[in-house]
Amino acid sequence: MSDTSEPRADETTTGRHALGPHVVGQRVVVRHLLPDGRATDVLGTCTSWDAGSMTVDREGHGPVVIALADVVTGKPVPPRASVRARVSAQEVEEHVSALWDSITTEPLGRWLLRASPPHGGRLRRRGNSALAMAEPGIGWADAAFGVRRFYEALDQTPIVQVQRGSDVERTLAPLGFRPMGDGDAHAQLASVARALRSARAAAPDVAATYDERPGSVVVSLEGGAATGRGVLSGDWLLVESLAVDPAHRRRGLATAVLAEVLDWGASSGATTALLHVETDNEAAIALYERHGFVTHHTNRYLVA
């Protein structure tokens, strides 16, 4: 936001603000006087504060130094929502298709039908369900019929992936789709750079081996005691299958694997990390949140 100047006579008395050295590092909005007596607003991050002035780094417009004697009003404001937070659940989940080398997709109105071969010895719900994060656009009964027809033709159980608690879930209930009873999972996002810094600072120094293929990597520590996989989808890094042998837990190996996968992703140009973690896996949730991952939405699988 750039400066906007307005001659507002009712807001030219200085000193009425909630600012101070404590706002350094915070996002603030400041109304201050210009040399000609007009008042202007500045929005940005306070980067310094001294006895006579403060500096605000304006979003996209560089820093400005404001004399404290000229401050009319000011206060901290919430951080700007990240680009990641503004992406829809549908867009986030569409990246997941990159996890499988072979996946069949077919549009069903605004929904996406997906079928993929077994991964890790089993069919994965994310790759063998209809992605349904919004109204289908073709009529609910037609959409429900289309899901059934597609998966029954593959001799698979019809499954729909929805956002938990959404209108889609509620509308599909009378059409015969019910929660599977397990597998609810948070989709968590993080800045690759931020998560990498945090994980690197906490991870033990353990040698890693890489099984790298075009667009993906499997990281292994101590002969397979801890493993994890990273897959690229554009500038997104999908983190999955992070596991530690029970005999080697509580040594920080999960953090070390996460750091290695993030490092590989960063070196490959990834800026956003995405992972799914089941809602009852409290230890994993705590690990990921400790390193900057935030829940974007929660997935639920409905079965016909």
C-alpha atoms as a PDB file:
ATOM      1  CA  MET A   1       0.000   0.000   0.000  1.00  0.00           C
ATOM      2  CA  SER A   2       1.461   3.358  -0.970  1.00  0.00           C
ATOM      3  CA  ASP A   3       1.006   6.610   0.926  1.00  0.00           C
ATOM      4  CA  THR A   4      -2.364   8.344   0.537  1.00  0.00           C
ATOM      5  CA  SER A   5      -2.623  11.985   1.513  1.00  0.00           C
ATOM      6  CA  GLU A   6      -5.814  13.614   2.703  1.00  0.00           C
ATOM      7  CA  PRO A   7      -6.295  16.968   4.452  1.00  0.00           C
ATOM      8  CA  ARG A   8      -8.369  15.755   7.394  1.00  0.00           C
ATOM      9  CA  ALA A   9      -8.625  18.479  10.000  1.00  0.00           C
ATOM     10  CA  ASP A  10     -10.049  16.116  12.628  1.00  0.00           C
ATOM     11  CA  GLU A  11      -6.954  13.901  12.525  1.00  0.00           C
ATOM     12  CA  THR A  12      -3.979  16.224  12.702  1.00  0.00           C
ATOM     13  CA  THR A  13      -3.365  16.156  16.459  1.00  0.00           C
ATOM     14  CA  THR A  14      -0.232  14.119  17.083  1.00  0.00           C
ATOM     15  CA  GLY A  15       0.535  11.674  19.857  1.00  0.00           C
ATOM     16  CA  ARG A  16      -2.667   9.588  19.889  1.00  0.00           C
ATOM     17  CA  HIS A  17      -1.260   6.174  19.075  1.00  0.00           C
ATOM     18  CA  ALA A  18      -0.433   2.723  20.457  1.00  0.00           C
ATOM     19  CA  LEU A  19       3.063   2.566  19.013  1.00  0.00           C
ATOM     20  CA  GLY A  20       6.432   2.121  20.663  1.00  0.00           C
ATOM     21  CA  PRO A  21       9.635   0.084  20.463  1.00  0.00           C
ATOM     22  CA  HIS A  22       7.523  -3.050  20.983  1.00  0.00           C
ATOM     23  CA  VAL A  23       6.154  -2.812  17.413  1.00  0.00           C
ATOM     24  CA  VAL A  24       9.537  -3.330  15.748  1.00  0.00           C
ATOM     25  CA  GLY A  25       9.110  -6.364  13.508  1.00  0.00           C
ATOM     26  CA  GLN A  26       5.316  -6.000  13.435  1.00  0.00           C
ATOM     27  CA  ARG A  27       3.013  -4.851  10.654  1.00  0.00           C
ATOM     28  CA  VAL A  28       1.614  -1.401  11.483  1.00  0.00           C
ATOM     29  CA  VAL A  29      -0.534   1.352  10.060  1.00  0.00           C
ATOM     30  CA  VAL A  30       0.621   4.897  10.833  1.00  0.00           C
ATOM     31  CA  ARG A  31      -1.029   8.249  10.127  1.00  0.00           C
ATOM     32  CA  HIS A  32       1.510  11.076  10.216  1.00  0.00           C
ATOM     33  CA  LEU A  33       1.844  14.690   9.164  1.00  0.00           C
ATOM     34  CA  LEU A  34       3.624  15.865   6.028  1.00  0.00           C
ATOM     35  CA  PRO A  35       5.643  19.110   5.941  1.00  0.00           C
ATOM     36  CA  ASP A  36       2.662  20.982   4.446  1.00  0.00           C
ATOM     37  CA  GLY A  37       0.399  19.936   7.323  1.00  0.00           C
ATOM     38  CA  ARG A  38      -1.561  17.276   5.492  1.00  0.00           C
ATOM     39  CA  ALA A  39      -1.923  13.797   6.995  1.00  0.00           C
ATOM     40  CA  THR A  40      -0.991  10.604   5.172  1.00  0.00           C
ATOM     41  CA  ASP A  41      -1.239   6.876   5.956  1.00  0.00           C
ATOM     42  CA  VAL A  42       1.601   4.360   5.792  1.00  0.00           C
ATOM     43  CA  LEU A  43       1.120   0.586   5.970  1.00  0.00           C
ATOM     44  CA  GLY A  44       4.068  -1.763   6.377  1.00  0.00           C
ATOM     45  CA  THR A  45       6.486  -3.396   8.780  1.00  0.00           C
ATOM     46  CA  CYS A  46       8.184  -1.325  11.477  1.00  0.00           C
ATOM     47  CA  THR A  47      11.899  -2.043  11.118  1.00  0.00           C
ATOM     48  CA  SER A  48      13.372   0.385  13.659  1.00  0.00           C
ATOM     49  CA  TRP A  49      12.468   2.751  16.505  1.00  0.00           C
ATOM     50  CA  ASP A  50      14.635   5.323  18.263  1.00  0.00           C
ATOM     51  CA  ALA A  51      14.153   8.381  20.422  1.00  0.00           C
ATOM     52  CA  GLY A  52      13.048  10.587  17.553  1.00  0.00           C
ATOM     53  CA  SER A  53      11.840   8.473  14.666  1.00  0.00           C
ATOM     54  CA  MET A  54      10.546   5.142  13.397  1.00  0.00           C
ATOM     55  CA  THR A  55      11.123   3.405  10.078  1.00  0.00           C
ATOM     56  CA  VAL A  56       8.345   1.588   8.240  1.00  0.00           C
ATOM     57  CA  ASP A  57       9.131  -0.690   5.324  1.00  0.00           C
ATOM     58  CA  ARG A  58       6.131  -0.090   3.060  1.00  0.00           C
ATOM     59  CA  GLU A  59       4.827  -3.143   1.216  1.00  0.00           C
ATOM     60  CA  GLY A  60       6.204  -2.833  -2.291  1.00  0.00           C
ATOM     61  CA  HIS A  61       7.278   0.807  -1.897  1.00  0.00           C
ATOM     62  CA  GLY A  62      10.424   0.756   0.229  1.00  0.00           C
ATOM     63  CA  PRO A  63      11.206   2.238   3.675  1.00  0.00           C
ATOM     64  CA  VAL A  64      10.095   5.587   5.019  1.00  0.00           C
ATOM     65  CA  VAL A  65      11.410   7.352   8.120  1.00  0.00           C
ATOM     66  CA  ILE A  66       8.707   9.050  10.211  1.00  0.00           C
ATOM     67  CA  ALA A  67       9.459  11.588  12.941  1.00  0.00           C
ATOM     68  CA  LEU A  68       7.681  10.526  16.132  1.00  0.00           C
ATOM     69  CA  ALA A  69       6.587  14.132  16.638  1.00  0.00           C
ATOM     70  CA  ASP A  70       4.597  13.853  13.393  1.00  0.00           C
ATOM     71  CA  VAL A  71       2.710  10.661  14.272  1.00  0.00           C
ATOM     72  CA  VAL A  72      -1.020  11.306  14.563  1.00  0.00           C
ATOM     73  CA  THR A  73      -2.323   7.783  15.129  1.00  0.00           C
ATOM     74  CA  GLY A  74      -1.001   4.289  14.687  1.00  0.00           C
ATOM     75  CA  LYS A  75      -1.432   0.705  15.742  1.00  0.00           C
ATOM     76  CA  PRO A  76      -0.262  -2.833  14.961  1.00  0.00           C
ATOM     77  CA  VAL A  77      -2.356  -4.706  12.394  1.00  0.00           C
ATOM     78  CA  PRO A  78      -2.605  -8.414  11.544  1.00  0.00           C
ATOM     79  CA  PRO A  79       0.011  -9.845   9.186  1.00  0.00           C
ATOM     80  CA  ARG A  80      -0.934  -9.910   5.553  1.00  0.00           C
ATOM     81  CA  ALA A  81      -2.303 -13.289   4.513  1.00  0.00           C
ATOM     82  CA  SER A  82       0.332 -15.247   2.618  1.00  0.00           C
ATOM     83  CA  VAL A  83      -0.130 -16.216  -0.994  1.00  0.00           C
ATOM     84  CA  ARG A  84      -0.349 -19.813   0.181  1.00  0.00           C
ATOM     85  CA  ALA A  85      -3.292 -19.011   2.460  1.00  0.00           C
ATOM     86  CA  ARG A  86      -5.188 -17.454  -0.446  1.00  0.00           C
ATOM     87  CA  VAL A  87      -5.025 -20.560  -2.649  1.00  0.00           C
ATOM     88  CA  SER A  88      -8.261 -22.572  -2.747  1.00  0.00           C
ATOM     89  CA  ALA A  89      -8.486 -26.108  -1.361  1.00  0.00           C
ATOM     90  CA  GLN A  90      -9.166 -27.353  -4.890  1.00  0.00           C
ATOM     91  CA  GLU A  91      -5.964 -25.764  -6.214  1.00  0.00           C
ATOM     92  CA  VAL A  92      -3.927 -27.173  -3.331  1.00  0.00           C
ATOM     93  CA  GLU A  93      -5.227 -30.709  -3.836  1.00  0.00           C
ATOM     94  CA  GLU A  94      -4.693 -30.630  -7.595  1.00  0.00           C
ATOM     95  CA  HIS A  95      -0.936 -30.656  -6.914  1.00  0.00           C
ATOM     96  CA  VAL A  96      -1.268 -34.095  -5.323  1.00  0.00           C
ATOM     97  CA  SER A  97      -1.558 -35.806  -8.712  1.00  0.00           C
ATOM     98  CA  ALA A  98       2.201 -35.315  -9.085  1.00  0.00           C
ATOM     99  CA  LEU A  99       2.755 -38.047  -6.478  1.00  0.00           C
ATOM    100  CA  TRP A 100       2.088 -40.794  -9.010  1.00  0.00           C
ATOM    101  CA  ASP A 101       3.930 -41.479 -12.245  1.00  0.00           C
ATOM    102  CA  SER A 102       0.770 -42.895 -13.802  1.00  0.00           C
ATOM    103  CA  ILE A 103      -2.581 -41.347 -12.977  1.00  0.00           C
ATOM    104  CA  THR A 104      -5.797 -41.122 -14.971  1.00  0.00           C
ATOM    105  CA  THR A 105      -7.907 -37.999 -14.519  1.00  0.00           C
ATOM    106  CA  GLU A 106     -11.255 -37.074 -15.987  1.00  0.00           C
ATOM    107  CA  PRO A 107     -13.280 -33.905 -15.336  1.00  0.00           C
ATOM    108  CA  LEU A 108     -16.778 -34.264 -13.933  1.00  0.00           C
ATOM    109  CA  GLY A 109     -18.149 -30.743 -14.087  1.00  0.00           C
ATOM    110  CA  ARG A 110     -15.954 -28.849 -11.614  1.00  0.00           C
ATOM    111  CA  TRP A 111     -14.885 -32.088  -9.950  1.00  0.00           C
ATOM    112  CA  LEU A 112     -11.935 -34.257 -10.935  1.00  0.00           C
ATOM    113  CA  LEU A 113     -12.116 -38.042 -11.143  1.00  0.00           C
ATOM    114  CA  ARG A 114      -8.766 -39.717 -10.397  1.00  0.00           C
ATOM    115  CA  ALA A 115      -7.451 -43.261 -10.655  1.00  0.00           C
ATOM    116  CA  SER A 116      -3.868 -44.381 -10.046  1.00  0.00           C
ATOM    117  CA  PRO A 117      -2.058 -47.686  -9.565  1.00  0.00           C
ATOM    118  CA  PRO A 118      -1.118 -49.035  -6.114  1.00  0.00           C
ATOM    119  CA  HIS A 119       1.573 -47.040  -4.338  1.00  0.00           C
ATOM    120  CA  GLY A 120       3.498 -48.705  -1.536  1.00  0.00           C
ATOM    121  CA  GLY A 121       1.500 -51.878  -2.066  1.00  0.00           C
ATOM    122  CA  ARG A 122      -1.951 -50.326  -1.801  1.00  0.00           C
ATOM    123  CA  LEU A 123      -4.353 -48.027  -3.581  1.00  0.00           C
ATOM    124  CA  ARG A 124      -4.108 -44.527  -2.176  1.00  0.00           C
ATOM    125  CA  ARG A 125      -7.335 -42.664  -1.487  1.00  0.00           C
ATOM    126  CA  ARG A 126      -5.925 -39.392  -2.728  1.00  0.00           C
ATOM    127  CA  GLY A 127      -5.200 -40.939  -6.114  1.00  0.00           C
ATOM    128  CA  ASN A 128      -8.398 -42.990  -6.348  1.00  0.00           C
ATOM    129  CA  SER A 129     -11.182 -40.595  -5.429  1.00  0.00           C
ATOM    130  CA  ALA A 130     -13.166 -37.767  -6.942  1.00  0.00           C
ATOM    131  CA  LEU A 131     -11.739 -34.407  -5.911  1.00  0.00           C
ATOM    132  CA  ALA A 132     -14.863 -32.456  -4.945  1.00  0.00           C
ATOM    133  CA  MET A 133     -14.094 -29.168  -3.213  1.00  0.00           C
ATOM    134  CA  ALA A 134     -16.938 -27.095  -4.674  1.00  0.00           C
ATOM    135  CA  GLU A 135     -20.422 -27.311  -6.179  1.00  0.00           C
ATOM    136  CA  PRO A 136     -20.100 -29.695  -9.170  1.00  0.00           C
ATOM    137  CA  GLY A 137     -21.722 -27.456 -11.759  1.00  0.00           C
ATOM    138  CA  ILE A 138     -23.668 -30.295 -13.412  1.00  0.00           C
ATOM    139  CA  GLY A 139     -26.299 -31.058 -10.788  1.00  0.00           C
ATOM    140  CA  TRP A 140     -25.677 -32.998  -7.613  1.00  0.00           C
ATOM    141  CA  ALA A 141     -27.515 -36.181  -8.661  1.00  0.00           C
ATOM    142  CA  ASP A 142     -25.634 -36.287 -11.975  1.00  0.00           C
ATOM    143  CA  ALA A 143     -22.331 -35.771 -10.172  1.00  0.00           C
ATOM    144  CA  ALA A 144     -23.047 -38.546  -7.676  1.00  0.00           C
ATOM    145  CA  PHE A 145     -24.036 -40.883 -10.525  1.00  0.00           C
ATOM    146  CA  GLY A 146     -20.887 -39.975 -12.460  1.00  0.00           C
ATOM    147  CA  VAL A 147     -18.665 -40.840  -9.487  1.00  0.00           C
ATOM    148  CA  ARG A 148     -20.347 -44.208  -9.024  1.00  0.00           C
ATOM    149  CA  ARG A 149     -20.159 -45.048 -12.725  1.00  0.00           C
ATOM    150  CA  PHE A 150     -16.470 -44.124 -13.047  1.00  0.00           C
ATOM    151  CA  TYR A 151     -15.210 -46.186 -10.099  1.00  0.00           C
ATOM    152  CA  GLU A 152     -17.542 -49.122 -10.552  1.00  0.00           C
ATOM    153  CA  ALA A 153     -16.216 -49.456 -14.108  1.00  0.00           C
ATOM    154  CA  LEU A 154     -12.746 -49.843 -12.548  1.00  0.00           C
ATOM    155  CA  ASP A 155     -14.091 -52.332 -10.003  1.00  0.00           C
ATOM    156  CA  GLN A 156     -13.264 -49.851  -7.239  1.00  0.00           C
ATOM    157  CA  THR A 157     -15.312 -48.447  -4.392  1.00  0.00           C
ATOM    158  CA  PRO A 158     -16.654 -44.959  -5.269  1.00  0.00           C
ATOM    159  CA  ILE A 159     -14.906 -42.432  -3.000  1.00  0.00           C
ATOM    160  CA  VAL A 160     -15.166 -38.648  -2.909  1.00  0.00           C
ATOM    161  CA  GLN A 161     -12.572 -36.359  -1.317  1.00  0.00           C
ATOM    162  CA  VAL A 162     -14.184 -33.270   0.230  1.00  0.00           C
ATOM    163  CA  GLN A 163     -13.317 -30.514   2.647  1.00  0.00           C
ATOM    164  CA  ARG A 164     -14.467 -31.573   6.092  1.00  0.00           C
ATOM    165  CA  GLY A 165     -17.606 -29.768   7.243  1.00  0.00           C
ATOM    166  CA  SER A 166     -18.251 -28.277   3.802  1.00  0.00           C
ATOM    167  CA  ASP A 167     -21.510 -27.805   1.914  1.00  0.00           C
ATOM    168  CA  VAL A 168     -20.320 -30.531  -0.465  1.00  0.00           C
ATOM    169  CA  GLU A 169     -20.169 -33.048   2.378  1.00  0.00           C
ATOM    170  CA  ARG A 170     -23.601 -32.051   3.661  1.00  0.00           C
ATOM    171  CA  THR A 171     -25.206 -32.174   0.214  1.00  0.00           C
ATOM    172  CA  LEU A 172     -23.770 -35.588  -0.649  1.00  0.00           C
ATOM    173  CA  ALA A 173     -25.104 -37.196   2.538  1.00  0.00           C
ATOM    174  CA  PRO A 174     -28.698 -37.659   1.290  1.00  0.00           C
ATOM    175  CA  LEU A 175     -27.271 -38.934  -2.011  1.00  0.00           C
ATOM    176  CA  GLY A 176     -25.747 -41.903  -0.226  1.00  0.00           C
ATOM    177  CA  PHE A 177     -22.184 -40.775   0.556  1.00  0.00           C
ATOM    178  CA  ARG A 178     -20.968 -41.207   4.140  1.00  0.00           C
ATOM    179  CA  PRO A 179     -17.641 -40.544   5.903  1.00  0.00           C
ATOM    180  CA  MET A 180     -15.328 -43.540   5.803  1.00  0.00           C
ATOM    181  CA  GLY A 181     -14.755 -43.185   9.539  1.00  0.00           C
ATOM    182  CA  ASP A 182     -10.989 -42.776   9.346  1.00  0.00           C
ATOM    183  CA  GLY A 183      -8.361 -40.996   7.332  1.00  0.00           C
ATOM    184  CA  ASP A 184      -9.394 -37.365   7.930  1.00  0.00           C
ATOM    185  CA  ALA A 185      -6.220 -35.445   7.121  1.00  0.00           C
ATOM    186  CA  HIS A 186      -5.014 -31.875   7.394  1.00  0.00           C
ATOM    187  CA  ALA A 187      -3.451 -30.354   4.299  1.00  0.00           C
ATOM    188  CA  GLN A 188      -0.588 -28.294   5.700  1.00  0.00           C
ATOM    189  CA  LEU A 189       1.445 -25.670   3.852  1.00  0.00           C
ATOM    190  CA  ALA A 190       4.706 -23.918   4.621  1.00  0.00           C
ATOM    191  CA  SER A 191       7.295 -21.698   3.047  1.00  0.00           C
ATOM    192  CA  VAL A 192      10.087 -24.029   1.933  1.00  0.00           C
ATOM    193  CA  ALA A 193      12.750 -21.504   2.963  1.00  0.00           C
ATOM    194  CA  ARG A 194      11.279 -20.899   6.408  1.00  0.00           C
ATOM    195  CA  ALA A 195      10.640 -24.581   7.155  1.00  0.00           C
ATOM    196  CA  LEU A 196      14.134 -25.489   5.962  1.00  0.00           C
ATOM    197  CA  ARG A 197      15.786 -22.926   8.251  1.00  0.00           C
ATOM    198  CA  SER A 198      13.806 -24.206  11.219  1.00  0.00           C
ATOM    199  CA  ALA A 199      14.365 -27.899  10.521  1.00  0.00           C
ATOM    200  CA  ARG A 200      18.073 -27.430   9.808  1.00  0.00           C
ATOM    201  CA  ALA A 201      18.548 -25.650  13.144  1.00  0.00           C
ATOM    202  CA  ALA A 202      16.948 -28.541  15.050  1.00  0.00           C
ATOM    203  CA  ALA A 203      18.112 -31.585  13.060  1.00  0.00           C
ATOM    204  CA  PRO A 204      20.996 -33.813  14.206  1.00  0.00           C
ATOM    205  CA  ASP A 205      23.993 -34.161  11.925  1.00  0.00           C
ATOM    206  CA  VAL A 206      23.234 -37.464  10.181  1.00  0.00           C
ATOM    207  CA  ALA A 207      24.491 -38.611   6.794  1.00  0.00           C
ATOM    208  CA  ALA A 208      21.739 -39.004   4.183  1.00  0.00           C
ATOM    209  CA  THR A 209      21.470 -40.961   0.964  1.00  0.00           C
ATOM    210  CA  TYR A 210      19.343 -39.855  -1.977  1.00  0.00           C
ATOM    211  CA  ASP A 211      17.474 -41.941  -4.506  1.00  0.00           C
ATOM    212  CA  GLU A 212      16.810 -39.162  -6.983  1.00  0.00           C
ATOM    213  CA  ARG A 213      14.665 -39.395 -10.098  1.00  0.00           C
ATOM    214  CA  PRO A 214      13.313 -36.664 -12.392  1.00  0.00           C
ATOM    215  CA  GLY A 215      11.021 -34.578 -10.219  1.00  0.00           C
ATOM    216  CA  SER A 216      11.272 -36.696  -7.047  1.00  0.00           C
ATOM    217  CA  VAL A 217      13.602 -37.960  -4.359  1.00  0.00           C
ATOM    218  CA  VAL A 218      13.575 -40.558  -1.586  1.00  0.00           C
ATOM    219  CA  VAL A 219      15.780 -39.648   1.369  1.00  0.00           C
ATOM    220  CA  SER A 220      17.136 -42.363   3.654  1.00  0.00           C
ATOM    221  CA  LEU A 221      19.030 -42.026   6.924  1.00  0.00           C
ATOM    222  CA  GLU A 222      21.097 -44.715   8.668  1.00  0.00           C
ATOM    223  CA  GLY A 223      20.352 -47.523   6.291  1.00  0.00           C
ATOM    224  CA  GLY A 224      16.615 -46.907   6.162  1.00  0.00           C
ATOM    225  CA  ALA A 225      16.012 -46.158   9.838  1.00  0.00           C
ATOM    226  CA  ALA A 226      14.269 -42.993   8.677  1.00  0.00           C
ATOM    227  CA  THR A 227      12.926 -42.206   5.208  1.00  0.00           C
ATOM    228  CA  GLY A 228      10.892 -39.592   3.411  1.00  0.00           C
ATOM    229  CA  ARG A 229       9.881 -38.641  -0.104  1.00  0.00           C
ATOM    230  CA  GLY A 230       9.706 -35.335  -1.923  1.00  0.00           C
ATOM    231  CA  VAL A 231       7.938 -34.688  -5.239  1.00  0.00           C
ATOM    232  CA  LEU A 232       7.847 -31.506  -7.306  1.00  0.00           C
ATOM    233  CA  SER A 233       4.691 -30.015  -8.778  1.00  0.00           C
ATOM    234  CA  GLY A 234       5.810 -26.801 -10.426  1.00  0.00           C
ATOM    235  CA  ASP A 235       7.284 -24.705  -7.613  1.00  0.00           C
ATOM    236  CA  TRP A 236       5.462 -26.770  -4.981  1.00  0.00           C
ATOM    237  CA  LEU A 237       7.192 -29.506  -2.989  1.00  0.00           C
ATOM    238  CA  LEU A 238       5.022 -32.415  -1.847  1.00  0.00           C
ATOM    239  CA  VAL A 239       6.379 -34.091   1.287  1.00  0.00           C
ATOM    240  CA  GLU A 240       5.128 -37.601   1.994  1.00  0.00           C
ATOM    241  CA  SER A 241       5.871 -41.025   3.459  1.00  0.00           C
ATOM    242  CA  LEU A 242       8.025 -39.636   6.268  1.00  0.00           C
ATOM    243  CA  ALA A 243       8.647 -42.580   8.594  1.00  0.00           C
ATOM    244  CA  VAL A 244      11.062 -43.537  11.378  1.00  0.00           C
ATOM    245  CA  ASP A 245      11.690 -47.091  12.582  1.00  0.00           C
ATOM    246  CA  PRO A 246      10.304 -47.409  16.153  1.00  0.00           C
ATOM    247  CA  ALA A 247      13.717 -48.497  17.428  1.00  0.00           C
ATOM    248  CA  HIS A 248      15.267 -45.229  16.253  1.00  0.00           C
ATOM    249  CA  ARG A 249      12.671 -42.709  17.404  1.00  0.00           C
ATOM    250  CA  ARG A 250      13.276 -39.747  19.718  1.00  0.00           C
ATOM    251  CA  ARG A 251      16.614 -39.013  18.088  1.00  0.00           C
ATOM    252  CA  GLY A 252      15.459 -36.194  15.807  1.00  0.00           C
ATOM    253  CA  LEU A 253      15.601 -38.345  12.691  1.00  0.00           C
ATOM    254  CA  ALA A 254      12.149 -37.247  11.486  1.00  0.00           C
ATOM    255  CA  THR A 255      13.337 -33.638  11.606  1.00  0.00           C
ATOM    256  CA  ALA A 256      16.542 -34.620   9.794  1.00  0.00           C
ATOM    257  CA  VAL A 257      14.596 -36.332   6.995  1.00  0.00           C
ATOM    258  CA  LEU A 258      12.268 -33.342   6.703  1.00  0.00           C
ATOM    259  CA  ALA A 259      15.268 -31.017   6.453  1.00  0.00           C
ATOM    260  CA  GLU A 260      16.862 -33.124   3.708  1.00  0.00           C
ATOM    261  CA  VAL A 261      13.648 -33.258   1.667  1.00  0.00           C
ATOM    262  CA  LEU A 262      13.140 -29.514   2.057  1.00  0.00           C
ATOM    263  CA  ASP A 263      16.755 -28.845   1.093  1.00  0.00           C
ATOM    264  CA  TRP A 264      16.332 -30.921  -2.057  1.00  0.00           C
ATOM    265  CA  GLY A 265      13.125 -29.067  -2.871  1.00  0.00           C
ATOM    266  CA  ALA A 266      14.712 -25.656  -2.311  1.00  0.00           C
ATOM    267  CA  SER A 267      17.632 -26.546  -4.595  1.00  0.00           C
ATOM    268  CA  SER A 268      15.059 -27.576  -7.231  1.00  0.00           C
ATOM    269  CA  GLY A 269      13.253 -24.223  -7.101  1.00  0.00           C
ATOM    270  CA  ALA A 270      10.341 -25.106  -4.807  1.00  0.00           C
ATOM    271  CA  THR A 271       8.910 -22.277  -2.718  1.00  0.00           C
ATOM    272  CA  THR A 272       5.822 -23.872  -1.112  1.00  0.00           C
ATOM    273  CA  ALA A 273       5.760 -27.183   0.757  1.00  0.00           C
ATOM    274  CA  LEU A 274       2.597 -29.298   1.030  1.00  0.00           C
ATOM    275  CA  LEU A 275       1.944 -32.375   3.120  1.00  0.00           C
ATOM    276  CA  HIS A 276      -1.019 -34.345   4.457  1.00  0.00           C
ATOM    277  CA  VAL A 277      -1.129 -35.531   8.045  1.00  0.00           C
ATOM    278  CA  GLU A 278      -3.984 -37.469   9.626  1.00  0.00           C
ATOM    279  CA  THR A 279      -5.852 -35.496  12.256  1.00  0.00           C
ATOM    280  CA  ASP A 280      -5.210 -38.045  15.023  1.00  0.00           C
ATOM    281  CA  ASN A 281      -1.417 -38.096  14.476  1.00  0.00           C
ATOM    282  CA  GLU A 282      -0.636 -35.563  17.175  1.00  0.00           C
ATOM    283  CA  ALA A 283       3.106 -36.176  17.219  1.00  0.00           C
ATOM    284  CA  ALA A 284       3.472 -35.551  13.478  1.00  0.00           C
ATOM    285  CA  ILE A 285       1.240 -32.472  13.621  1.00  0.00           C
ATOM    286  CA  ALA A 286       3.393 -31.041  16.415  1.00  0.00           C
ATOM    287  CA  LEU A 287       6.550 -31.749  14.404  1.00  0.00           C
ATOM    288  CA  TYR A 288       5.309 -30.031  11.278  1.00  0.00           C
ATOM    289  CA  GLU A 289       3.807 -27.037  13.075  1.00  0.00           C
ATOM    290  CA  ARG A 290       7.068 -26.559  14.960  1.00  0.00           C
ATOM    291  CA  HIS A 291       8.758 -25.987  11.622  1.00  0.00           C
ATOM    292  CA  GLY A 292       6.218 -23.585  10.160  1.00  0.00           C
ATOM    293  CA  PHE A 293       3.545 -25.777   8.587  1.00  0.00           C
ATOM    294  CA  VAL A 294       0.017 -24.411   8.932  1.00  0.00           C
ATOM    295  CA  THR A 295      -3.245 -26.244   8.274  1.00  0.00           C
ATOM    296  CA  HIS A 296      -4.839 -24.878   5.118  1.00  0.00           C
ATOM    297  CA  HIS A 297      -7.917 -27.155   5.150  1.00  0.00           C
ATOM    298  CA  THR A 298      -8.918 -30.613   6.357  1.00  0.00           C
ATOM    299  CA  ASN A 299      -9.813 -33.433   3.978  1.00  0.00           C
ATOM    300  CA  ARG A 300     -12.438 -36.100   4.494  1.00  0.00           C
ATOM    301  CA  TYR A 301     -13.233 -39.135   2.335  1.00  0.00           C
ATOM    302  CA  LEU A 302     -16.833 -40.124   1.665  1.00  0.00           C
ATOM    303  CA  VAL A 303     -17.773 -43.562   0.401  1.00  0.00           C
ATOM    304  CA  ALA A 304     -20.881 -44.451  -1.595  1.00  0.00           C
END
